[in-house]
PDB file of N, CA and C in Angstrom:
ATOM      1  N   MET A   1     208.716-173.666 136.699  1.00  0.00           N
ATOM      2  CA  MET A   1     209.113-174.473 137.301  1.00  0.00           C
ATOM      3  C   MET A   1     207.712-175.454 136.826  1.00  0.00           C
ATOM      4  N   GLN A   2     206.352-174.735 137.168  1.00  0.00           N
ATOM      5  CA  GLN A   2     205.264-175.836 136.738  1.00  0.00           C
ATOM      6  C   GLN A   2     205.430-176.312 135.546  1.00  0.00           C
ATOM      7  N   ILE A   3     205.588-175.523 134.435  1.00  0.00           N
ATOM      8  CA  ILE A   3     205.573-176.096 132.920  1.00  0.00           C
ATOM      9  C   ILE A   3     206.525-177.560 132.784  1.00  0.00           C
ATOM     10  N   LEU A   4     207.606-176.897 133.921  1.00  0.00           N
ATOM     11  CA  LEU A   4     208.932-178.224 133.580  1.00  0.00           C
ATOM     12  C   LEU A   4     208.002-179.752 134.140  1.00  0.00           C
ATOM     13  N   GLN A   5     207.510-179.644 135.148  1.00  0.00           N
ATOM     14  CA  GLN A   5     206.903-180.479 135.793  1.00  0.00           C
ATOM     15  C   GLN A   5     205.766-181.390 134.788  1.00  0.00           C
ATOM     16  N   LEU A   6     205.084-181.085 134.598  1.00  0.00           N
ATOM     17  CA  LEU A   6     204.125-181.029 133.707  1.00  0.00           C
ATOM     18  C   LEU A   6     204.421-181.903 132.077  1.00  0.00           C
ATOM     19  N   THR A   7     205.765-181.208 131.859  1.00  0.00           N
ATOM     20  CA  THR A   7     206.194-181.811 130.787  1.00  0.00           C
ATOM     21  C   THR A   7     207.183-183.224 130.859  1.00  0.00           C
ATOM     22  N   ARG A   8     207.433-183.285 132.262  1.00  0.00           N
ATOM     23  CA  ARG A   8     208.179-184.732 132.569  1.00  0.00           C
ATOM     24  C   ARG A   8     207.372-185.858 133.072  1.00  0.00           C
ATOM     25  N   LEU A   9     205.913-185.449 133.153  1.00  0.00           N
ATOM     26  CA  LEU A   9     204.747-186.250 133.469  1.00  0.00           C
ATOM     27  C   LEU A   9     205.297-188.112 132.546  1.00  0.00           C
ATOM     28  N   PRO A  10     205.096-188.986 133.374  1.00  0.00           N
ATOM     29  CA  PRO A  10     205.747-190.475 132.424  1.00  0.00           C
ATOM     30  C   PRO A  10     205.046-190.952 131.213  1.00  0.00           C
ATOM     31  N   ILE A  11     205.194-191.335 130.885  1.00  0.00           N
ATOM     32  CA  ILE A  11     204.792-191.594 129.275  1.00  0.00           C
ATOM     33  C   ILE A  11     203.479-193.076 129.578  1.00  0.00           C
ATOM     34  N   PRO A  12     202.655-192.844 129.356  1.00  0.00           N
ATOM     35  CA  PRO A  12     201.584-193.962 129.500  1.00  0.00           C
ATOM     36  C   PRO A  12     202.155-195.128 129.447  1.00  0.00           C
ATOM     37  N   ASP A  13     201.691-196.157 130.274  1.00  0.00           N
ATOM     38  CA  ASP A  13     201.966-197.514 129.787  1.00  0.00           C
ATOM     39  C   ASP A  13     201.546-198.317 128.286  1.00  0.00           C
ATOM     40  N   ALA A  14     202.202-198.590 127.351  1.00  0.00           N
ATOM     41  CA  ALA A  14     201.733-198.981 126.232  1.00  0.00           C
ATOM     42  C   ALA A  14     200.581-200.023 126.180  1.00  0.00           C
ATOM     43  N   GLU A  15     200.923-200.970 126.925  1.00  0.00           N
ATOM     44  CA  GLU A  15     199.808-202.329 127.154  1.00  0.00           C
ATOM     45  C   GLU A  15     198.510-201.291 128.114  1.00  0.00           C
ATOM     46  N   GLN A  16     198.516-200.451 129.091  1.00  0.00           N
ATOM     47  CA  GLN A  16     197.390-199.806 129.374  1.00  0.00           C
ATOM     48  C   GLN A  16     196.496-198.848 128.545  1.00  0.00           C
ATOM     49  N   ILE A  17     197.280-198.725 127.150  1.00  0.00           N
ATOM     50  CA  ILE A  17     196.377-198.438 126.628  1.00  0.00           C
ATOM     51  C   ILE A  17     195.886-198.883 125.529  1.00  0.00           C
ATOM     52  N   VAL A  18     196.428-199.767 125.161  1.00  0.00           N
ATOM     53  CA  VAL A  18     195.782-201.149 124.461  1.00  0.00           C
ATOM     54  C   VAL A  18     194.644-201.560 125.241  1.00  0.00           C
ATOM     55  N   ARG A  19     194.594-202.105 126.233  1.00  0.00           N
ATOM     56  CA  ARG A  19     194.072-202.827 127.213  1.00  0.00           C
ATOM     57  C   ARG A  19     192.505-201.524 126.835  1.00  0.00           C
ATOM     58  N   GLN A  20     192.762-200.496 127.344  1.00  0.00           N
ATOM     59  CA  GLN A  20     191.656-199.386 126.998  1.00  0.00           C
ATOM     60  C   GLN A  20     191.277-199.131 126.092  1.00  0.00           C
ATOM     61  N   ALA A  21     191.711-198.958 124.990  1.00  0.00           N
ATOM     62  CA  ALA A  21     191.133-198.834 123.150  1.00  0.00           C
ATOM     63  C   ALA A  21     190.300-200.544 123.306  1.00  0.00           C
ATOM     64  N   ASP A  22     190.887-201.146 124.042  1.00  0.00           N
ATOM     65  CA  ASP A  22     190.326-202.874 123.897  1.00  0.00           C
ATOM     66  C   ASP A  22     188.634-202.647 124.273  1.00  0.00           C
ATOM     67  N   MET A  23     188.695-202.434 125.546  1.00  0.00           N
ATOM     68  CA  MET A  23     187.681-202.140 126.475  1.00  0.00           C
ATOM     69  C   MET A  23     186.443-200.871 125.777  1.00  0.00           C
ATOM     70  N   ILE A  24     187.087-200.159 125.118  1.00  0.00           N
ATOM     71  CA  ILE A  24     186.137-198.876 124.642  1.00  0.00           C
ATOM     72  C   ILE A  24     185.771-199.430 123.318  1.00  0.00           C
ATOM     73  N   SER A  25     186.359-200.056 122.884  1.00  0.00           N
ATOM     74  CA  SER A  25     185.866-200.684 121.434  1.00  0.00           C
ATOM     75  C   SER A  25     184.841-201.694 121.814  1.00  0.00           C
ATOM     76  N   ALA A  26     185.492-202.658 122.897  1.00  0.00           N
ATOM     77  CA  ALA A  26     183.965-203.662 123.193  1.00  0.00           C
ATOM     78  C   ALA A  26     183.094-203.123 123.411  1.00  0.00           C
ATOM     79  N   LEU A  27     183.019-201.875 124.565  1.00  0.00           N
ATOM     80  CA  LEU A  27     181.643-201.247 125.062  1.00  0.00           C
ATOM     81  C   LEU A  27     181.086-200.937 123.921  1.00  0.00           C
ATOM     82  N   THR A  28     181.879-199.874 122.687  1.00  0.00           N
ATOM     83  CA  THR A  28     180.902-199.810 122.014  1.00  0.00           C
ATOM     84  C   THR A  28     180.194-200.252 120.815  1.00  0.00           C
ATOM     85  N   LEU A  29     180.607-201.789 120.732  1.00  0.00           N
ATOM     86  CA  LEU A  29     180.173-202.693 119.982  1.00  0.00           C
ATOM     87  C   LEU A  29     178.919-203.050 120.859  1.00  0.00           C
ATOM     88  N   GLN A  30     178.877-203.355 122.040  1.00  0.00           N
ATOM     89  CA  GLN A  30     178.210-203.344 123.019  1.00  0.00           C
ATOM     90  C   GLN A  30     176.991-202.875 122.910  1.00  0.00           C
ATOM     91  N   ARG A  31     177.077-201.784 123.128  1.00  0.00           N
ATOM     92  CA  ARG A  31     176.222-200.562 123.161  1.00  0.00           C
ATOM     93  C   ARG A  31     175.885-200.192 121.364  1.00  0.00           C
ATOM     94  N   ASP A  32     176.236-200.338 120.521  1.00  0.00           N
ATOM     95  CA  ASP A  32     175.497-200.796 119.120  1.00  0.00           C
ATOM     96  C   ASP A  32     174.706-201.468 119.007  1.00  0.00           C
ATOM     97  N   LEU A  33     174.868-202.816 119.491  1.00  0.00           N
ATOM     98  CA  LEU A  33     174.251-204.091 119.558  1.00  0.00           C
ATOM     99  C   LEU A  33     173.114-203.977 120.452  1.00  0.00           C
ATOM    100  N   LEU A  34     173.304-203.051 121.663  1.00  0.00           N
ATOM    101  CA  LEU A  34     172.009-203.193 122.169  1.00  0.00           C
ATOM    102  C   LEU A  34     170.668-201.840 121.749  1.00  0.00           C
ATOM    103  N   MET A  35     171.559-200.761 120.923  1.00  0.00           N
ATOM    104  CA  MET A  35     170.665-199.828 120.432  1.00  0.00           C
ATOM    105  C   MET A  35     170.290-200.390 119.322  1.00  0.00           C
ATOM    106  N   HIS A  36     170.927-201.566 118.725  1.00  0.00           N
ATOM    107  CA  HIS A  36     169.844-202.138 117.403  1.00  0.00           C
ATOM    108  C   HIS A  36     168.628-202.696 117.956  1.00  0.00           C
ATOM    109  N   GLN A  37     168.970-203.785 119.130  1.00  0.00           N
ATOM    110  CA  GLN A  37     167.737-204.606 119.727  1.00  0.00           C
ATOM    111  C   GLN A  37     166.646-203.690 120.211  1.00  0.00           C
ATOM    112  N   ALA A  38     166.871-202.463 120.429  1.00  0.00           N
ATOM    113  CA  ALA A  38     165.979-201.962 121.400  1.00  0.00           C
ATOM    114  C   ALA A  38     165.243-201.076 119.878  1.00  0.00           C
ATOM    115  N   GLU A  39     165.800-200.997 118.706  1.00  0.00           N
ATOM    116  CA  GLU A  39     165.281-200.360 117.518  1.00  0.00           C
ATOM    117  C   GLU A  39     164.324-201.607 116.860  1.00  0.00           C
ATOM    118  N   GLU A  40     164.672-202.724 117.066  1.00  0.00           N
ATOM    119  CA  GLU A  40     164.163-203.830 116.602  1.00  0.00           C
ATOM    120  C   GLU A  40     162.401-203.964 117.715  1.00  0.00           C
ATOM    121  N   GLN A  41     162.672-203.891 118.797  1.00  0.00           N
ATOM    122  CA  GLN A  41     162.003-204.216 119.709  1.00  0.00           C
ATOM    123  C   GLN A  41     160.868-203.024 119.472  1.00  0.00           C
ATOM    124  N   ARG A  42     161.430-201.771 119.010  1.00  0.00           N
ATOM    125  CA  ARG A  42     160.706-200.850 119.243  1.00  0.00           C
ATOM    126  C   ARG A  42     159.415-200.956 118.007  1.00  0.00           C
ATOM    127  N   LEU A  43     160.311-201.489 117.025  1.00  0.00           N
ATOM    128  CA  LEU A  43     159.670-201.716 115.597  1.00  0.00           C
ATOM    129  C   LEU A  43     158.430-202.743 115.452  1.00  0.00           C
ATOM    130  N   LYS A  44     158.750-203.505 116.057  1.00  0.00           N
ATOM    131  CA  LYS A  44     157.905-205.184 116.805  1.00  0.00           C
ATOM    132  C   LYS A  44     156.998-204.652 117.281  1.00  0.00           C
ATOM    133  N   TRP A  45     156.542-203.539 118.484  1.00  0.00           N
ATOM    134  CA  TRP A  45     156.013-203.084 119.260  1.00  0.00           C
ATOM    135  C   TRP A  45     154.839-201.868 118.298  1.00  0.00           C
ATOM    136  N   VAL A  46     155.444-201.306 117.531  1.00  0.00           N
ATOM    137  CA  VAL A  46     154.639-200.572 116.464  1.00  0.00           C
ATOM    138  C   VAL A  46     153.796-201.363 115.323  1.00  0.00           C
ATOM    139  N   SER A  47     154.500-202.041 114.827  1.00  0.00           N
ATOM    140  CA  SER A  47     153.747-203.110 113.957  1.00  0.00           C
ATOM    141  C   SER A  47     152.400-203.696 114.690  1.00  0.00           C
ATOM    142  N   GLU A  48     152.706-204.689 115.725  1.00  0.00           N
ATOM    143  CA  GLU A  48     151.827-205.302 117.150  1.00  0.00           C
ATOM    144  C   GLU A  48     150.201-203.884 117.367  1.00  0.00           C
ATOM    145  N   LYS A  49     151.021-202.857 117.813  1.00  0.00           N
ATOM    146  CA  LYS A  49     149.965-201.782 118.107  1.00  0.00           C
ATOM    147  C   LYS A  49     149.016-201.802 116.542  1.00  0.00           C
ATOM    148  N   TYR A  50     149.736-201.352 115.805  1.00  0.00           N
ATOM    149  CA  TYR A  50     149.087-201.310 114.710  1.00  0.00           C
ATOM    150  C   TYR A  50     148.070-202.695 114.505  1.00  0.00           C
ATOM    151  N   GLY A  51     148.597-203.798 114.408  1.00  0.00           N
ATOM    152  CA  GLY A  51     147.619-204.859 114.093  1.00  0.00           C
ATOM    153  C   GLY A  51     146.147-204.750 115.261  1.00  0.00           C
ATOM    154  N   TRP A  52     146.776-204.685 116.655  1.00  0.00           N
ATOM    155  CA  TRP A  52     145.568-204.334 117.341  1.00  0.00           C
ATOM    156  C   TRP A  52     144.287-203.554 116.842  1.00  0.00           C
ATOM    157  N   GLU A  53     145.583-202.265 116.372  1.00  0.00           N
ATOM    158  CA  GLU A  53     144.360-201.007 116.004  1.00  0.00           C
ATOM    159  C   GLU A  53     143.463-201.431 115.381  1.00  0.00           C
ATOM    160  N   ARG A  54     144.210-202.128 114.157  1.00  0.00           N
ATOM    161  CA  ARG A  54     143.417-202.718 112.691  1.00  0.00           C
ATOM    162  C   ARG A  54     142.418-203.618 113.455  1.00  0.00           C
ATOM    163  N   MET A  55     142.598-204.418 114.108  1.00  0.00           N
ATOM    164  CA  MET A  55     141.521-205.308 114.930  1.00  0.00           C
ATOM    165  C   MET A  55     140.386-204.952 115.730  1.00  0.00           C
ATOM    166  N   VAL A  56     140.902-203.818 116.231  1.00  0.00           N
ATOM    167  CA  VAL A  56     139.918-203.274 116.887  1.00  0.00           C
ATOM    168  C   VAL A  56     138.851-202.278 115.820  1.00  0.00           C
ATOM    169  N   GLU A  57     139.138-201.477 115.119  1.00  0.00           N
ATOM    170  CA  GLU A  57     138.456-201.091 113.614  1.00  0.00           C
ATOM    171  C   GLU A  57     137.655-202.296 113.226  1.00  0.00           C
ATOM    172  N   ALA A  58     137.994-203.268 113.221  1.00  0.00           N
ATOM    173  CA  ALA A  58     137.159-204.211 112.629  1.00  0.00           C
ATOM    174  C   ALA A  58     136.179-204.751 113.120  1.00  0.00           C
ATOM    175  N   LEU A  59     136.674-204.976 114.488  1.00  0.00           N
ATOM    176  CA  LEU A  59     135.379-205.161 115.561  1.00  0.00           C
ATOM    177  C   LEU A  59     134.702-204.140 115.519  1.00  0.00           C
ATOM    178  N   ILE A  60     134.468-203.275 115.389  1.00  0.00           N
ATOM    179  CA  ILE A  60     133.961-202.062 115.544  1.00  0.00           C
ATOM    180  C   ILE A  60     133.200-202.348 114.509  1.00  0.00           C
ATOM    181  N   SER A  61     133.670-202.040 113.508  1.00  0.00           N
ATOM    182  CA  SER A  61     132.776-202.055 111.877  1.00  0.00           C
ATOM    183  C   SER A  61     131.910-203.217 112.102  1.00  0.00           C
ATOM    184  N   GLN A  62     132.196-204.180 112.506  1.00  0.00           N
ATOM    185  CA  GLN A  62     131.446-205.364 112.663  1.00  0.00           C
ATOM    186  C   GLN A  62     129.951-205.149 113.733  1.00  0.00           C
ATOM    187  N   GLN A  63     130.413-204.943 115.057  1.00  0.00           N
ATOM    188  CA  GLN A  63     129.430-204.526 115.435  1.00  0.00           C
ATOM    189  C   GLN A  63     128.408-203.539 115.274  1.00  0.00           C
ATOM    190  N   THR A  64     129.000-202.204 114.276  1.00  0.00           N
ATOM    191  CA  THR A  64     127.818-201.487 113.943  1.00  0.00           C
ATOM    192  C   THR A  64     127.341-202.166 112.981  1.00  0.00           C
ATOM    193  N   LYS A  65     127.616-202.726 111.515  1.00  0.00           N
ATOM    194  CA  LYS A  65     126.989-203.460 111.138  1.00  0.00           C
ATOM    195  C   LYS A  65     125.674-204.384 111.591  1.00  0.00           C
ATOM    196  N   ASN A  66     126.231-204.780 112.855  1.00  0.00           N
ATOM    197  CA  ASN A  66     125.644-206.086 113.249  1.00  0.00           C
ATOM    198  C   ASN A  66     124.035-205.735 113.765  1.00  0.00           C
ATOM    199  N   ARG A  67     124.183-204.452 114.312  1.00  0.00           N
ATOM    200  CA  ARG A  67     123.688-203.245 115.041  1.00  0.00           C
ATOM    201  C   ARG A  67     122.558-202.551 114.071  1.00  0.00           C
ATOM    202  N   THR A  68     123.207-202.198 113.591  1.00  0.00           N
ATOM    203  CA  THR A  68     122.606-201.821 112.254  1.00  0.00           C
ATOM    204  C   THR A  68     121.351-202.771 111.355  1.00  0.00           C
ATOM    205  N   ALA A  69     121.795-203.678 111.209  1.00  0.00           N
ATOM    206  CA  ALA A  69     121.083-205.115 110.841  1.00  0.00           C
ATOM    207  C   ALA A  69     120.040-205.668 111.768  1.00  0.00           C
ATOM    208  N   SER A  70     120.088-205.468 113.093  1.00  0.00           N
ATOM    209  CA  SER A  70     119.332-205.708 114.427  1.00  0.00           C
ATOM    210  C   SER A  70     118.432-204.685 114.375  1.00  0.00           C
ATOM    211  N   ASP A  71     118.420-203.284 114.350  1.00  0.00           N
ATOM    212  CA  ASP A  71     118.216-202.223 113.964  1.00  0.00           C
ATOM    213  C   ASP A  71     116.863-202.233 113.076  1.00  0.00           C
ATOM    214  N   ARG A  72     117.284-202.891 112.016  1.00  0.00           N
ATOM    215  CA  ARG A  72     116.437-202.753 110.725  1.00  0.00           C
ATOM    216  C   ARG A  72     115.282-204.070 111.180  1.00  0.00           C
ATOM    217  N   ASP A  73     116.103-204.894 111.950  1.00  0.00           N
ATOM    218  CA  ASP A  73     114.786-206.168 112.030  1.00  0.00           C
ATOM    219  C   ASP A  73     113.798-205.628 113.250  1.00  0.00           C
ATOM    220  N   ASP A  74     114.173-204.553 114.278  1.00  0.00           N
ATOM    221  CA  ASP A  74     113.262-204.381 115.207  1.00  0.00           C
ATOM    222  C   ASP A  74     112.413-203.585 114.327  1.00  0.00           C
ATOM    223  N   VAL A  75     112.793-202.544 113.288  1.00  0.00           N
ATOM    224  CA  VAL A  75     112.019-201.801 112.928  1.00  0.00           C
ATOM    225  C   VAL A  75     111.024-202.472 111.870  1.00  0.00           C
ATOM    226  N   SER A  76     111.151-203.704 111.142  1.00  0.00           N
ATOM    227  CA  SER A  76     110.356-204.635 110.565  1.00  0.00           C
ATOM    228  C   SER A  76     109.361-205.143 111.328  1.00  0.00           C
ATOM    229  N   ASP A  77     110.032-205.693 112.634  1.00  0.00           N
ATOM    230  CA  ASP A  77     108.788-206.501 113.043  1.00  0.00           C
ATOM    231  C   ASP A  77     108.100-205.549 114.217  1.00  0.00           C
ATOM    232  N   HIS A  78     108.624-204.343 114.100  1.00  0.00           N
ATOM    233  CA  HIS A  78     107.464-203.173 115.009  1.00  0.00           C
ATOM    234  C   HIS A  78     106.695-202.905 113.707  1.00  0.00           C
ATOM    235  N   ILE A  79     106.660-202.664 112.493  1.00  0.00           N
ATOM    236  CA  ILE A  79     105.526-202.350 111.043  1.00  0.00           C
ATOM    237  C   ILE A  79     104.793-203.866 110.938  1.00  0.00           C
ATOM    238  N   GLN A  80     105.258-204.730 111.098  1.00  0.00           N
ATOM    239  CA  GLN A  80     104.707-206.003 110.520  1.00  0.00           C
ATOM    240  C   GLN A  80     103.899-206.388 112.435  1.00  0.00           C
ATOM    241  N   LEU A  81     103.949-205.777 113.292  1.00  0.00           N
ATOM    242  CA  LEU A  81     103.150-206.419 114.468  1.00  0.00           C
ATOM    243  C   LEU A  81     101.846-204.621 114.346  1.00  0.00           C
ATOM    244  N   SER A  82     101.951-203.757 113.675  1.00  0.00           N
ATOM    245  CA  SER A  82     101.357-202.653 113.649  1.00  0.00           C
ATOM    246  C   SER A  82      99.911-202.898 113.158  1.00  0.00           C
TER     247      SER A  82
END
């Protein structure tokens, strides 16, 4: 008896199936767009991070050069005073 009841279930409404398929399609497109936007944002952040790292390296290098030159000037001044 149970098998007959399962096979006698009403056939789903064709319009409902089409609406559900349209909704699934729209949600899939939205998900793909959001994933693409998230990837673009991630790449932008990576690029900005790289730029900041390069800037920090340049500033540290410049500061090191200035310190080295300043240290040499201090040594030269000390030698001249002696």
